Amino acid sequence: YDLEQASGTSGTSLTFEKITPGEYTLNLVFDSTGMAKAILGSDPGSVADQIAKFKKVTLDYKGDTHMPPEVKLSWGTWIFTGRLIKLEVKYEIFRPDGTPIRAKGTAVFKANIEDELRAAQENKSSPDLTHIRTVQAGDTLPLMCHRIYGDSGYYMKVAEANQINDFRNLTPGQKIYFPPLAKTTEASNA
């Protein structure tokens, strides 16, 4: 909200400006003391290797997209899509030679929503039939297409629009973008 207030006034009318993207903070443990191996059943590698792998999947600049990768975090039905904006690592335990064997990290991710998806979310009741739906247990893409378009035959176009490679295995909680029917039929005629 715009909280600017003119001098000499006793209050102001709140004016909506925007909703800033959400953030999610994740606390991490990088461990090579042997505890992780006991829990995971395999050796996760050195602390330095673990941190390097984490940075590779969250921070490394991608030449084809000209930006760091988008990351999807999920826990049960909760799904968060965003980019890492901050990583702090604090080394805690060392071997006698100075090699770190445990470190704790704090990773901050900022939500990232594609413009088309954001526009659809902001105008859920628009007459152009743009919709975002959350997958429920038992949902299939053809069934969801039938609910939205009245025809299950658009499921391949919806899968393509959402970059879904396996439309038979939807995850409950997953968000599905249903493009306007006009865009969908134009795409099928192309």
C-alpha atoms as a PDB file:
ATOM      1  CA  TYR A   1       0.000   0.000   0.000  1.00  0.00           C
ATOM      2  CA  ASP A   2       1.035   3.577  -0.592  1.00  0.00           C
ATOM      3  CA  LEU A   3       1.438   5.075   2.882  1.00  0.00           C
ATOM      4  CA  GLU A   4       2.440   8.576   1.752  1.00  0.00           C
ATOM      5  CA  GLN A   5       0.619  11.272   3.687  1.00  0.00           C
ATOM      6  CA  ALA A   6       0.463  14.962   2.895  1.00  0.00           C
ATOM      7  CA  SER A   7       1.930  17.364   5.457  1.00  0.00           C
ATOM      8  CA  GLY A   8      -0.601  18.794   7.878  1.00  0.00           C
ATOM      9  CA  THR A   9      -3.157  15.993   7.429  1.00  0.00           C
ATOM     10  CA  SER A  10      -4.442  13.675  10.146  1.00  0.00           C
ATOM     11  CA  GLY A  11      -4.560  10.523   8.045  1.00  0.00           C
ATOM     12  CA  THR A  12      -4.505   9.034   4.601  1.00  0.00           C
ATOM     13  CA  SER A  13      -6.557   6.709   2.470  1.00  0.00           C
ATOM     14  CA  LEU A  14      -4.705   3.480   1.774  1.00  0.00           C
ATOM     15  CA  THR A  15      -4.032   3.004  -1.919  1.00  0.00           C
ATOM     16  CA  PHE A  16      -3.138  -0.480  -3.096  1.00  0.00           C
ATOM     17  CA  GLU A  17       0.104  -0.567  -5.090  1.00  0.00           C
ATOM     18  CA  LYS A  18       1.296  -4.148  -5.387  1.00  0.00           C
ATOM     19  CA  ILE A  19       1.913  -7.432  -3.641  1.00  0.00           C
ATOM     20  CA  THR A  20       5.611  -8.154  -3.391  1.00  0.00           C
ATOM     21  CA  PRO A  21       6.755 -11.683  -4.252  1.00  0.00           C
ATOM     22  CA  GLY A  22       6.811 -14.050  -1.308  1.00  0.00           C
ATOM     23  CA  GLU A  23      10.018 -15.301   0.253  1.00  0.00           C
ATOM     24  CA  TYR A  24      10.896 -18.617   1.827  1.00  0.00           C
ATOM     25  CA  THR A  25      13.892 -19.225   4.086  1.00  0.00           C
ATOM     26  CA  LEU A  26      15.358 -22.703   4.304  1.00  0.00           C
ATOM     27  CA  ASN A  27      17.866 -23.798   6.955  1.00  0.00           C
ATOM     28  CA  LEU A  28      20.379 -26.349   5.671  1.00  0.00           C
ATOM     29  CA  VAL A  29      22.968 -28.656   7.211  1.00  0.00           C
ATOM     30  CA  PHE A  30      26.032 -29.721   5.212  1.00  0.00           C
ATOM     31  CA  ASP A  31      27.621 -32.626   7.085  1.00  0.00           C
ATOM     32  CA  SER A  32      30.477 -35.044   6.472  1.00  0.00           C
ATOM     33  CA  THR A  33      30.985 -36.209  10.072  1.00  0.00           C
ATOM     34  CA  GLY A  34      29.472 -39.603   9.267  1.00  0.00           C
ATOM     35  CA  MET A  35      26.019 -38.836  10.688  1.00  0.00           C
ATOM     36  CA  ALA A  36      24.558 -38.065   7.256  1.00  0.00           C
ATOM     37  CA  LYS A  37      25.937 -41.346   5.892  1.00  0.00           C
ATOM     38  CA  ALA A  38      24.291 -43.242   8.765  1.00  0.00           C
ATOM     39  CA  ILE A  39      20.934 -41.558   8.072  1.00  0.00           C
ATOM     40  CA  LEU A  40      21.017 -41.505   4.250  1.00  0.00           C
ATOM     41  CA  GLY A  41      22.761 -44.829   3.760  1.00  0.00           C
ATOM     42  CA  SER A  42      25.298 -43.277   1.394  1.00  0.00           C
ATOM     43  CA  ASP A  43      28.177 -40.835   1.662  1.00  0.00           C
ATOM     44  CA  PRO A  44      27.057 -37.301   0.699  1.00  0.00           C
ATOM     45  CA  GLY A  45      30.661 -36.233   0.069  1.00  0.00           C
ATOM     46  CA  SER A  46      32.690 -33.482   1.681  1.00  0.00           C
ATOM     47  CA  VAL A  47      31.089 -30.307   3.021  1.00  0.00           C
ATOM     48  CA  ALA A  48      32.784 -28.358   0.219  1.00  0.00           C
ATOM     49  CA  ASP A  49      31.327 -30.768  -2.384  1.00  0.00           C
ATOM     50  CA  GLN A  50      27.841 -30.555  -0.857  1.00  0.00           C
ATOM     51  CA  ILE A  51      27.910 -26.753  -0.892  1.00  0.00           C
ATOM     52  CA  ALA A  52      29.236 -26.741  -4.466  1.00  0.00           C
ATOM     53  CA  LYS A  53      26.407 -29.081  -5.584  1.00  0.00           C
ATOM     54  CA  PHE A  54      23.807 -26.894  -3.855  1.00  0.00           C
ATOM     55  CA  LYS A  55      25.186 -23.769  -5.528  1.00  0.00           C
ATOM     56  CA  LYS A  56      25.283 -25.520  -8.906  1.00  0.00           C
ATOM     57  CA  VAL A  57      21.547 -26.256  -8.840  1.00  0.00           C
ATOM     58  CA  THR A  58      20.492 -22.953  -7.247  1.00  0.00           C
ATOM     59  CA  LEU A  59      22.949 -20.230  -8.278  1.00  0.00           C
ATOM     60  CA  ASP A  60      24.887 -21.149 -11.424  1.00  0.00           C
ATOM     61  CA  TYR A  61      24.142 -18.769 -14.294  1.00  0.00           C
ATOM     62  CA  LYS A  62      22.430 -20.542 -17.197  1.00  0.00           C
ATOM     63  CA  GLY A  63      23.564 -19.290 -20.594  1.00  0.00           C
ATOM     64  CA  ASP A  64      20.392 -20.374 -22.391  1.00  0.00           C
ATOM     65  CA  THR A  65      18.075 -18.445 -20.038  1.00  0.00           C
ATOM     66  CA  HIS A  66      20.561 -15.707 -19.053  1.00  0.00           C
ATOM     67  CA  MET A  67      19.755 -16.141 -15.355  1.00  0.00           C
ATOM     68  CA  PRO A  68      20.209 -18.553 -12.457  1.00  0.00           C
ATOM     69  CA  PRO A  69      17.890 -21.566 -12.459  1.00  0.00           C
ATOM     70  CA  GLU A  70      14.368 -21.556 -11.124  1.00  0.00           C
ATOM     71  CA  VAL A  71      14.022 -23.892  -8.141  1.00  0.00           C
ATOM     72  CA  LYS A  72      10.918 -25.800  -7.073  1.00  0.00           C
ATOM     73  CA  LEU A  73      10.648 -26.621  -3.365  1.00  0.00           C
ATOM     74  CA  SER A  74       7.950 -29.040  -2.244  1.00  0.00           C
ATOM     75  CA  TRP A  75       6.851 -30.652   0.972  1.00  0.00           C
ATOM     76  CA  GLY A  76       3.678 -32.733   0.832  1.00  0.00           C
ATOM     77  CA  THR A  77       1.156 -30.642  -1.088  1.00  0.00           C
ATOM     78  CA  TRP A  78       3.051 -27.363  -0.533  1.00  0.00           C
ATOM     79  CA  ILE A  79       4.947 -26.194  -3.627  1.00  0.00           C
ATOM     80  CA  PHE A  80       7.085 -23.055  -3.911  1.00  0.00           C
ATOM     81  CA  THR A  81       8.728 -21.930  -7.143  1.00  0.00           C
ATOM     82  CA  GLY A  82      11.392 -19.260  -7.044  1.00  0.00           C
ATOM     83  CA  ARG A  83      15.040 -18.314  -7.256  1.00  0.00           C
ATOM     84  CA  LEU A  84      17.753 -18.272  -4.614  1.00  0.00           C
ATOM     85  CA  ILE A  85      18.512 -14.660  -3.699  1.00  0.00           C
ATOM     86  CA  LYS A  86      20.741 -15.148  -0.662  1.00  0.00           C
ATOM     87  CA  LEU A  87      22.922 -17.908   0.771  1.00  0.00           C
ATOM     88  CA  GLU A  88      24.845 -17.668   4.023  1.00  0.00           C
ATOM     89  CA  VAL A  89      27.073 -20.528   5.199  1.00  0.00           C
ATOM     90  CA  LYS A  90      28.520 -20.796   8.699  1.00  0.00           C
ATOM     91  CA  TYR A  91      31.216 -23.440   9.210  1.00  0.00           C
ATOM     92  CA  GLU A  92      30.924 -25.115  12.609  1.00  0.00           C
ATOM     93  CA  ILE A  93      33.101 -28.229  12.959  1.00  0.00           C
ATOM     94  CA  PHE A  94      36.566 -28.814  11.494  1.00  0.00           C
ATOM     95  CA  ARG A  95      39.087 -31.637  11.290  1.00  0.00           C
ATOM     96  CA  PRO A  96      42.509 -30.996  12.860  1.00  0.00           C
ATOM     97  CA  ASP A  97      43.834 -30.062   9.389  1.00  0.00           C
ATOM     98  CA  GLY A  98      41.195 -27.305   9.073  1.00  0.00           C
ATOM     99  CA  THR A  99      38.864 -29.141   6.658  1.00  0.00           C
ATOM    100  CA  PRO A 100      35.227 -28.305   7.486  1.00  0.00           C
ATOM    101  CA  ILE A 101      33.076 -31.328   8.331  1.00  0.00           C
ATOM    102  CA  ARG A 102      29.865 -29.526   9.294  1.00  0.00           C
ATOM    103  CA  ALA A 103      28.349 -26.265   8.135  1.00  0.00           C
ATOM    104  CA  LYS A 104      24.920 -24.698   8.485  1.00  0.00           C
ATOM    105  CA  GLY A 105      23.399 -22.674   5.719  1.00  0.00           C
ATOM    106  CA  THR A 106      20.522 -20.260   5.392  1.00  0.00           C
ATOM    107  CA  ALA A 107      19.046 -20.008   1.907  1.00  0.00           C
ATOM    108  CA  VAL A 108      16.478 -17.345   1.013  1.00  0.00           C
ATOM    109  CA  PHE A 109      14.312 -17.920  -2.055  1.00  0.00           C
ATOM    110  CA  LYS A 110      12.068 -15.310  -3.688  1.00  0.00           C
ATOM    111  CA  ALA A 111       8.907 -16.465  -5.455  1.00  0.00           C
ATOM    112  CA  ASN A 112       8.999 -16.402  -9.230  1.00  0.00           C
ATOM    113  CA  ILE A 113       5.773 -16.495 -11.219  1.00  0.00           C
ATOM    114  CA  GLU A 114       5.811 -16.399 -15.009  1.00  0.00           C
ATOM    115  CA  ASP A 115       3.975 -13.365 -16.410  1.00  0.00           C
ATOM    116  CA  GLU A 116       1.288 -15.443 -18.129  1.00  0.00           C
ATOM    117  CA  LEU A 117       0.588 -17.444 -14.969  1.00  0.00           C
ATOM    118  CA  ARG A 118       0.614 -14.306 -12.807  1.00  0.00           C
ATOM    119  CA  ALA A 119      -1.884 -12.599 -15.104  1.00  0.00           C
ATOM    120  CA  ALA A 120      -4.152 -15.614 -14.953  1.00  0.00           C
ATOM    121  CA  GLN A 121      -3.972 -15.688 -11.154  1.00  0.00           C
ATOM    122  CA  GLU A 122      -4.794 -11.987 -10.926  1.00  0.00           C
ATOM    123  CA  ASN A 123      -7.895 -12.350 -13.096  1.00  0.00           C
ATOM    124  CA  LYS A 124      -9.312 -15.750 -12.148  1.00  0.00           C
ATOM    125  CA  SER A 125     -12.862 -14.929 -13.211  1.00  0.00           C
ATOM    126  CA  SER A 126     -12.015 -13.405 -16.589  1.00  0.00           C
ATOM    127  CA  PRO A 127     -14.286 -14.374 -19.473  1.00  0.00           C
ATOM    128  CA  ASP A 128     -11.340 -15.491 -21.625  1.00  0.00           C
ATOM    129  CA  LEU A 129     -11.357 -18.844 -19.772  1.00  0.00           C
ATOM    130  CA  THR A 130      -7.869 -18.461 -18.334  1.00  0.00           C
ATOM    131  CA  HIS A 131      -7.714 -20.564 -15.181  1.00  0.00           C
ATOM    132  CA  ILE A 132      -5.279 -21.822 -12.565  1.00  0.00           C
ATOM    133  CA  ARG A 133      -6.311 -24.952 -10.714  1.00  0.00           C
ATOM    134  CA  THR A 134      -4.675 -26.914  -7.913  1.00  0.00           C
ATOM    135  CA  VAL A 135      -4.449 -30.656  -8.504  1.00  0.00           C
ATOM    136  CA  GLN A 136      -6.434 -32.676  -5.960  1.00  0.00           C
ATOM    137  CA  ALA A 137      -5.915 -36.374  -5.193  1.00  0.00           C
ATOM    138  CA  GLY A 138      -7.513 -38.410  -7.978  1.00  0.00           C
ATOM    139  CA  ASP A 139      -7.427 -35.596 -10.557  1.00  0.00           C
ATOM    140  CA  THR A 140      -6.274 -36.385 -14.073  1.00  0.00           C
ATOM    141  CA  LEU A 141      -5.382 -33.842 -16.719  1.00  0.00           C
ATOM    142  CA  PRO A 142      -8.161 -35.006 -19.092  1.00  0.00           C
ATOM    143  CA  LEU A 143     -10.690 -34.731 -16.230  1.00  0.00           C
ATOM    144  CA  MET A 144      -9.486 -31.243 -15.306  1.00  0.00           C
ATOM    145  CA  CYS A 145      -9.674 -30.187 -18.984  1.00  0.00           C
ATOM    146  CA  HIS A 146     -13.232 -31.512 -19.136  1.00  0.00           C
ATOM    147  CA  ARG A 147     -14.143 -29.413 -16.068  1.00  0.00           C
ATOM    148  CA  ILE A 148     -12.575 -26.243 -17.521  1.00  0.00           C
ATOM    149  CA  TYR A 149     -13.252 -26.537 -21.256  1.00  0.00           C
ATOM    150  CA  GLY A 150     -16.094 -29.072 -21.332  1.00  0.00           C
ATOM    151  CA  ASP A 151     -13.840 -31.321 -23.443  1.00  0.00           C
ATOM    152  CA  SER A 152     -11.056 -33.611 -22.216  1.00  0.00           C
ATOM    153  CA  GLY A 153      -9.362 -33.508 -25.624  1.00  0.00           C
ATOM    154  CA  TYR A 154      -7.270 -30.440 -24.762  1.00  0.00           C
ATOM    155  CA  TYR A 155      -5.115 -32.275 -22.194  1.00  0.00           C
ATOM    156  CA  MET A 156      -2.037 -32.497 -24.471  1.00  0.00           C
ATOM    157  CA  LYS A 157      -2.080 -28.723 -25.139  1.00  0.00           C
ATOM    158  CA  VAL A 158      -2.478 -28.006 -21.416  1.00  0.00           C
ATOM    159  CA  ALA A 159       0.379 -30.419 -20.632  1.00  0.00           C
ATOM    160  CA  GLU A 160       2.524 -28.602 -23.206  1.00  0.00           C
ATOM    161  CA  ALA A 161       1.613 -25.159 -21.803  1.00  0.00           C
ATOM    162  CA  ASN A 162       2.661 -26.340 -18.323  1.00  0.00           C
ATOM    163  CA  GLN A 163       5.741 -28.251 -19.518  1.00  0.00           C
ATOM    164  CA  ILE A 164       4.333 -31.478 -18.059  1.00  0.00           C
ATOM    165  CA  ASN A 165       6.122 -34.486 -19.534  1.00  0.00           C
ATOM    166  CA  ASP A 166       4.051 -37.153 -17.752  1.00  0.00           C
ATOM    167  CA  PHE A 167       0.422 -36.044 -17.651  1.00  0.00           C
ATOM    168  CA  ARG A 168      -0.594 -39.333 -16.006  1.00  0.00           C
ATOM    169  CA  ASN A 169       1.305 -38.548 -12.792  1.00  0.00           C
ATOM    170  CA  LEU A 170       0.065 -35.216 -11.473  1.00  0.00           C
ATOM    171  CA  THR A 171       1.069 -34.274  -7.930  1.00  0.00           C
ATOM    172  CA  PRO A 172      -1.640 -33.156  -5.488  1.00  0.00           C
ATOM    173  CA  GLY A 173      -1.015 -29.477  -4.727  1.00  0.00           C
ATOM    174  CA  GLN A 174       0.536 -28.867  -8.158  1.00  0.00           C
ATOM    175  CA  LYS A 175      -0.746 -25.722  -9.911  1.00  0.00           C
ATOM    176  CA  ILE A 176      -1.962 -26.194 -13.495  1.00  0.00           C
ATOM    177  CA  TYR A 177      -2.405 -23.258 -15.883  1.00  0.00           C
ATOM    178  CA  PHE A 178      -5.280 -23.628 -18.351  1.00  0.00           C
ATOM    179  CA  PRO A 179      -4.743 -21.169 -21.223  1.00  0.00           C
ATOM    180  CA  PRO A 180      -7.681 -19.456 -22.911  1.00  0.00           C
ATOM    181  CA  LEU A 181      -9.528 -21.789 -25.241  1.00  0.00           C
ATOM    182  CA  ALA A 182      -8.837 -19.471 -28.191  1.00  0.00           C
ATOM    183  CA  LYS A 183      -5.075 -19.782 -27.597  1.00  0.00           C
ATOM    184  CA  THR A 184      -5.407 -23.535 -27.180  1.00  0.00           C
ATOM    185  CA  THR A 185      -7.349 -24.015 -30.422  1.00  0.00           C
ATOM    186  CA  GLU A 186      -4.983 -21.685 -32.318  1.00  0.00           C
ATOM    187  CA  ALA A 187      -2.086 -23.805 -31.110  1.00  0.00           C
ATOM    188  CA  SER A 188      -3.800 -27.011 -32.241  1.00  0.00           C
ATOM    189  CA  ASN A 189      -4.442 -25.544 -35.715  1.00  0.00           C
ATOM    190  CA  ALA A 190      -0.811 -24.439 -36.124  1.00  0.00           C
END
